[in-house]
Amino acid sequence: MARQHRALRTREELIRSAEEVIDDVGYTEASISAIRHRAGVSNGALHFHFKSKRALGEAVELAAARCGPASASAATPPADTGQGSTGPQLVPKNGRGPVSDTSETGPHL
């Protein structure tokens, strides 16, 4: 049972690390090496859980989908704060996101 728990923690850490790297540099620029270094796991451990970068990216998307729409909108910072999100998102931190400046206050006249 302890091995299963450790394997689950490793998988979750890889997904979290992949989310962070993708959030920082985008999916295209995110490297498997950077993800595994951030997670603190060996190359073998990464490939035990995920056969490819695409499989890891799909796991990140699945984890984000499990959070649901309410979590996604709550995790997205208002456009004027410039603060990053801690929630699972695959968009780079560039100030552009699904929440517009007028979403809560109405149009500015």
N, C-alpha and C. Protein backbone atom coordinates (compact mmCIF):
# COMPACT_ATOMS: atom_id res chain seq x y z
N MET A 1 0.82 -1.19 0.00
CA MET A 1 0.00 0.00 0.00
C MET A 1 0.86 1.26 0.00
N ALA A 2 1.99 1.25 0.71
CA ALA A 2 2.86 2.41 0.77
C ALA A 2 3.43 2.75 -0.61
N ARG A 3 3.74 1.75 -1.41
CA ARG A 3 4.26 1.99 -2.76
C ARG A 3 3.21 2.65 -3.63
N GLN A 4 1.96 2.20 -3.51
CA GLN A 4 0.88 2.80 -4.30
C GLN A 4 0.70 4.26 -3.91
N HIS A 5 0.76 4.54 -2.62
CA HIS A 5 0.60 5.92 -2.16
C HIS A 5 1.73 6.80 -2.69
N ARG A 6 2.95 6.29 -2.64
CA ARG A 6 4.11 7.04 -3.15
C ARG A 6 3.99 7.27 -4.65
N ALA A 7 3.54 6.25 -5.38
CA ALA A 7 3.36 6.39 -6.83
C ALA A 7 2.29 7.43 -7.14
N LEU A 8 1.22 7.44 -6.38
CA LEU A 8 0.16 8.44 -6.58
C LEU A 8 0.69 9.85 -6.30
N ARG A 9 1.47 10.00 -5.24
CA ARG A 9 2.05 11.31 -4.92
C ARG A 9 3.01 11.76 -6.03
N THR A 10 3.80 10.83 -6.56
CA THR A 10 4.73 11.16 -7.64
C THR A 10 3.95 11.63 -8.87
N ARG A 11 2.90 10.90 -9.22
CA ARG A 11 2.08 11.27 -10.38
C ARG A 11 1.46 12.66 -10.18
N GLU A 12 0.92 12.91 -9.00
CA GLU A 12 0.31 14.22 -8.71
C GLU A 12 1.35 15.33 -8.77
N GLU A 13 2.55 15.06 -8.27
CA GLU A 13 3.62 16.06 -8.31
C GLU A 13 4.05 16.34 -9.74
N LEU A 14 4.09 15.32 -10.58
CA LEU A 14 4.43 15.52 -11.99
C LEU A 14 3.37 16.38 -12.68
N ILE A 15 2.11 16.12 -12.40
CA ILE A 15 1.04 16.91 -13.00
C ILE A 15 1.11 18.36 -12.52
N ARG A 16 1.33 18.55 -11.22
CA ARG A 16 1.43 19.91 -10.67
C ARG A 16 2.63 20.65 -11.27
N SER A 17 3.75 19.96 -11.36
CA SER A 17 4.95 20.57 -11.93
C SER A 17 4.76 20.90 -13.40
N ALA A 18 4.13 20.00 -14.13
CA ALA A 18 3.85 20.26 -15.55
C ALA A 18 2.95 21.47 -15.70
N GLU A 19 1.95 21.56 -14.84
CA GLU A 19 1.05 22.72 -14.87
C GLU A 19 1.83 24.03 -14.67
N GLU A 20 2.74 24.03 -13.71
CA GLU A 20 3.52 25.23 -13.42
C GLU A 20 4.44 25.59 -14.58
N VAL A 21 5.13 24.60 -15.13
CA VAL A 21 6.05 24.86 -16.25
C VAL A 21 5.26 25.34 -17.47
N ILE A 22 4.15 24.69 -17.76
CA ILE A 22 3.33 25.10 -18.91
C ILE A 22 2.78 26.50 -18.68
N ASP A 23 2.38 26.79 -17.46
CA ASP A 23 1.87 28.12 -17.13
C ASP A 23 2.96 29.18 -17.31
N ASP A 24 4.19 28.83 -16.98
CA ASP A 24 5.30 29.78 -17.08
C ASP A 24 5.74 30.03 -18.53
N VAL A 25 5.87 28.96 -19.31
CA VAL A 25 6.49 29.11 -20.64
C VAL A 25 5.60 28.67 -21.80
N GLY A 26 4.45 28.09 -21.52
CA GLY A 26 3.58 27.58 -22.57
C GLY A 26 3.89 26.13 -22.88
N TYR A 27 2.92 25.44 -23.46
CA TYR A 27 3.08 24.00 -23.72
C TYR A 27 4.23 23.73 -24.68
N THR A 28 4.32 24.49 -25.75
CA THR A 28 5.34 24.23 -26.77
C THR A 28 6.74 24.32 -26.20
N GLU A 29 6.99 25.31 -25.36
CA GLU A 29 8.33 25.52 -24.80
C GLU A 29 8.60 24.68 -23.55
N ALA A 30 7.56 24.10 -22.97
CA ALA A 30 7.75 23.28 -21.77
C ALA A 30 8.49 21.99 -22.15
N SER A 31 9.55 21.70 -21.44
CA SER A 31 10.31 20.48 -21.75
C SER A 31 10.06 19.43 -20.66
N ILE A 32 10.14 18.19 -21.07
CA ILE A 32 10.01 17.08 -20.12
C ILE A 32 11.09 17.20 -19.05
N SER A 33 12.28 17.60 -19.46
CA SER A 33 13.38 17.74 -18.51
C SER A 33 13.06 18.79 -17.44
N ALA A 34 12.55 19.94 -17.85
CA ALA A 34 12.20 20.99 -16.89
C ALA A 34 11.10 20.53 -15.94
N ILE A 35 10.15 19.79 -16.47
CA ILE A 35 9.04 19.30 -15.65
C ILE A 35 9.54 18.30 -14.62
N ARG A 36 10.37 17.36 -15.05
CA ARG A 36 10.85 16.35 -14.10
C ARG A 36 11.79 16.95 -13.06
N HIS A 37 12.59 17.95 -13.46
CA HIS A 37 13.46 18.63 -12.49
C HIS A 37 12.63 19.35 -11.45
N ARG A 38 11.57 20.04 -11.89
CA ARG A 38 10.71 20.76 -10.95
C ARG A 38 10.03 19.78 -10.00
N ALA A 39 9.65 18.62 -10.51
CA ALA A 39 8.99 17.61 -9.68
C ALA A 39 9.98 16.88 -8.78
N GLY A 40 11.26 16.92 -9.13
CA GLY A 40 12.27 16.23 -8.34
C GLY A 40 12.24 14.73 -8.52
N VAL A 41 11.95 14.28 -9.75
CA VAL A 41 11.88 12.84 -10.02
C VAL A 41 12.86 12.48 -11.13
N SER A 42 13.14 11.20 -11.22
CA SER A 42 14.04 10.72 -12.26
C SER A 42 13.32 10.62 -13.60
N ASN A 43 14.09 10.51 -14.65
CA ASN A 43 13.53 10.34 -15.99
C ASN A 43 12.70 9.06 -16.05
N GLY A 44 13.20 8.00 -15.41
CA GLY A 44 12.46 6.74 -15.38
C GLY A 44 11.12 6.86 -14.69
N ALA A 45 11.08 7.61 -13.58
CA ALA A 45 9.82 7.79 -12.85
C ALA A 45 8.81 8.56 -13.70
N LEU A 46 9.29 9.58 -14.39
CA LEU A 46 8.39 10.34 -15.26
C LEU A 46 7.80 9.44 -16.34
N HIS A 47 8.66 8.68 -16.99
CA HIS A 47 8.19 7.83 -18.09
C HIS A 47 7.41 6.61 -17.60
N PHE A 48 7.53 6.25 -16.35
CA PHE A 48 6.69 5.20 -15.79
C PHE A 48 5.24 5.65 -15.77
N HIS A 49 5.03 6.94 -15.43
CA HIS A 49 3.68 7.47 -15.31
C HIS A 49 3.13 8.01 -16.62
N PHE A 50 3.98 8.59 -17.46
CA PHE A 50 3.54 9.23 -18.70
C PHE A 50 4.46 8.82 -19.84
N LYS A 51 3.89 8.30 -20.89
CA LYS A 51 4.67 7.80 -22.03
C LYS A 51 5.21 8.92 -22.90
N SER A 52 4.59 10.12 -22.80
CA SER A 52 5.00 11.22 -23.67
C SER A 52 4.60 12.56 -23.04
N LYS A 53 5.12 13.62 -23.60
CA LYS A 53 4.76 14.97 -23.18
C LYS A 53 3.27 15.19 -23.42
N ARG A 54 2.78 14.66 -24.52
CA ARG A 54 1.36 14.80 -24.83
C ARG A 54 0.50 14.14 -23.75
N ALA A 55 0.87 12.94 -23.32
CA ALA A 55 0.12 12.25 -22.27
C ALA A 55 0.12 13.05 -20.97
N LEU A 56 1.25 13.65 -20.65
CA LEU A 56 1.35 14.48 -19.46
C LEU A 56 0.48 15.73 -19.61
N GLY A 57 0.52 16.36 -20.77
CA GLY A 57 -0.33 17.53 -21.03
C GLY A 57 -1.81 17.19 -20.91
N GLU A 58 -2.19 16.03 -21.40
CA GLU A 58 -3.58 15.60 -21.30
C GLU A 58 -3.98 15.38 -19.83
N ALA A 59 -3.06 14.88 -19.02
CA ALA A 59 -3.33 14.69 -17.60
C ALA A 59 -3.51 16.04 -16.91
N VAL A 60 -2.73 17.04 -17.32
CA VAL A 60 -2.89 18.39 -16.76
C VAL A 60 -4.26 18.94 -17.13
N GLU A 61 -4.66 18.77 -18.39
CA GLU A 61 -5.98 19.24 -18.82
C GLU A 61 -7.10 18.52 -18.07
N LEU A 62 -6.96 17.23 -17.86
CA LEU A 62 -7.96 16.46 -17.14
C LEU A 62 -8.06 16.95 -15.69
N ALA A 63 -6.93 17.21 -15.07
CA ALA A 63 -6.94 17.72 -13.69
C ALA A 63 -7.62 19.08 -13.63
N ALA A 64 -7.40 19.92 -14.64
CA ALA A 64 -8.04 21.23 -14.69
C ALA A 64 -9.54 21.08 -14.88
N ALA A 65 -9.95 20.13 -15.70
CA ALA A 65 -11.38 19.91 -15.95
C ALA A 65 -12.08 19.41 -14.70
N ARG A 66 -11.39 18.66 -13.88
CA ARG A 66 -11.99 18.14 -12.65
C ARG A 66 -12.29 19.24 -11.65
N CYS A 67 -11.60 20.36 -11.77
CA CYS A 67 -11.84 21.48 -10.87
C CYS A 67 -13.18 22.13 -11.13
N GLY A 68 -13.72 21.98 -12.33
CA GLY A 68 -15.03 22.52 -12.67
C GLY A 68 -14.98 23.98 -13.03
N PRO A 69 -16.06 24.48 -13.63
CA PRO A 69 -16.10 25.87 -14.08
C PRO A 69 -16.03 26.88 -12.94
N ALA A 70 -16.63 26.57 -11.80
CA ALA A 70 -16.59 27.52 -10.68
C ALA A 70 -15.16 27.69 -10.18
N SER A 71 -14.41 26.60 -10.10
CA SER A 71 -13.03 26.68 -9.64
C SER A 71 -12.17 27.43 -10.63
N ALA A 72 -12.40 27.20 -11.93
CA ALA A 72 -11.59 27.87 -12.94
C ALA A 72 -11.79 29.37 -12.91
N SER A 73 -13.03 29.84 -12.75
CA SER A 73 -13.25 31.28 -12.74
C SER A 73 -12.74 31.89 -11.44
N ALA A 74 -12.81 31.15 -10.35
CA ALA A 74 -12.30 31.67 -9.09
C ALA A 74 -10.78 31.69 -9.08
N ALA A 75 -10.16 30.79 -9.82
CA ALA A 75 -8.70 30.71 -9.84
C ALA A 75 -8.09 31.76 -10.76
N THR A 76 -8.89 32.34 -11.66
CA THR A 76 -8.38 33.33 -12.59
C THR A 76 -8.38 34.70 -11.92
N PRO A 77 -7.24 35.37 -11.85
CA PRO A 77 -7.18 36.66 -11.18
C PRO A 77 -7.86 37.74 -12.01
N PRO A 78 -8.37 38.80 -11.38
CA PRO A 78 -8.89 39.92 -12.15
C PRO A 78 -7.80 40.49 -13.04
N ALA A 79 -8.18 41.02 -14.17
CA ALA A 79 -7.21 41.48 -15.17
C ALA A 79 -6.30 42.58 -14.65
N ASP A 80 -6.77 43.40 -13.71
CA ASP A 80 -5.96 44.55 -13.29
C ASP A 80 -4.97 44.23 -12.18
N THR A 81 -4.96 43.01 -11.62
CA THR A 81 -4.05 42.74 -10.51
C THR A 81 -2.67 42.33 -10.97
N GLY A 82 -2.58 41.67 -12.11
CA GLY A 82 -1.29 41.21 -12.59
C GLY A 82 -0.75 40.03 -11.80
N GLN A 83 -1.55 39.47 -10.89
CA GLN A 83 -1.11 38.34 -10.07
C GLN A 83 -1.38 37.04 -10.80
N GLY A 84 -0.52 36.05 -10.58
CA GLY A 84 -0.68 34.73 -11.19
C GLY A 84 -1.71 33.91 -10.46
N SER A 85 -2.13 32.84 -11.08
CA SER A 85 -3.12 31.95 -10.51
C SER A 85 -2.44 30.73 -9.92
N THR A 86 -3.03 30.17 -8.89
CA THR A 86 -2.54 28.91 -8.36
C THR A 86 -3.36 27.74 -8.87
N GLY A 87 -4.45 28.01 -9.57
CA GLY A 87 -5.30 26.95 -10.11
C GLY A 87 -4.73 26.39 -11.41
N PRO A 88 -5.21 25.24 -11.82
CA PRO A 88 -4.70 24.61 -13.04
C PRO A 88 -5.17 25.31 -14.29
N GLN A 89 -4.25 25.94 -15.01
CA GLN A 89 -4.56 26.62 -16.26
C GLN A 89 -3.44 26.35 -17.24
N LEU A 90 -3.80 26.21 -18.52
CA LEU A 90 -2.80 25.94 -19.54
C LEU A 90 -2.46 27.18 -20.34
N VAL A 91 -2.94 28.34 -19.92
CA VAL A 91 -2.61 29.57 -20.62
C VAL A 91 -1.43 30.24 -19.95
N PRO A 92 -0.54 30.86 -20.72
CA PRO A 92 0.60 31.55 -20.11
C PRO A 92 0.14 32.73 -19.27
N LYS A 93 0.95 33.10 -18.29
CA LYS A 93 0.66 34.27 -17.47
C LYS A 93 1.05 35.52 -18.26
N ASN A 94 0.14 35.97 -19.09
CA ASN A 94 0.45 37.15 -19.90
C ASN A 94 -0.60 38.23 -19.73
N GLY A 95 -1.45 38.11 -18.72
CA GLY A 95 -2.46 39.13 -18.48
C GLY A 95 -3.73 38.91 -19.27
N ARG A 96 -3.73 37.96 -20.18
CA ARG A 96 -4.94 37.68 -20.95
C ARG A 96 -5.55 36.39 -20.43
N GLY A 97 -6.82 36.44 -20.17
CA GLY A 97 -7.49 35.25 -19.66
C GLY A 97 -8.96 35.27 -19.98
N PRO A 98 -9.69 34.30 -19.48
CA PRO A 98 -11.10 34.20 -19.81
C PRO A 98 -11.96 35.26 -19.14
N VAL A 99 -11.43 35.98 -18.14
CA VAL A 99 -12.22 36.99 -17.45
C VAL A 99 -11.89 38.35 -18.03
N SER A 100 -12.91 39.07 -18.48
CA SER A 100 -12.67 40.40 -19.03
C SER A 100 -12.81 41.45 -17.94
N ASP A 101 -12.35 42.66 -18.22
CA ASP A 101 -12.44 43.76 -17.26
C ASP A 101 -13.87 44.13 -16.96
N THR A 102 -14.79 43.85 -17.89
CA THR A 102 -16.17 44.29 -17.72
C THR A 102 -17.08 43.18 -17.19
N SER A 103 -16.54 42.04 -16.84
CA SER A 103 -17.37 40.90 -16.47
C SER A 103 -18.17 41.13 -15.19
N GLU A 104 -17.66 41.91 -14.25
CA GLU A 104 -18.38 42.11 -12.99
C GLU A 104 -18.97 43.50 -12.87
N THR A 105 -18.40 44.47 -13.50
CA THR A 105 -18.83 45.84 -13.31
C THR A 105 -19.64 46.40 -14.45
N GLY A 106 -19.74 45.67 -15.54
CA GLY A 106 -20.46 46.17 -16.70
C GLY A 106 -19.53 47.00 -17.57
N PRO A 107 -20.03 47.45 -18.71
CA PRO A 107 -19.17 48.21 -19.63
C PRO A 107 -18.79 49.57 -19.03
N HIS A 108 -17.57 49.97 -19.32
CA HIS A 108 -17.10 51.28 -18.89
C HIS A 108 -17.49 52.31 -19.94
N LEU A 109 -18.10 53.36 -19.50
CA LEU A 109 -18.54 54.41 -20.46
C LEU A 109 -17.62 55.60 -20.45
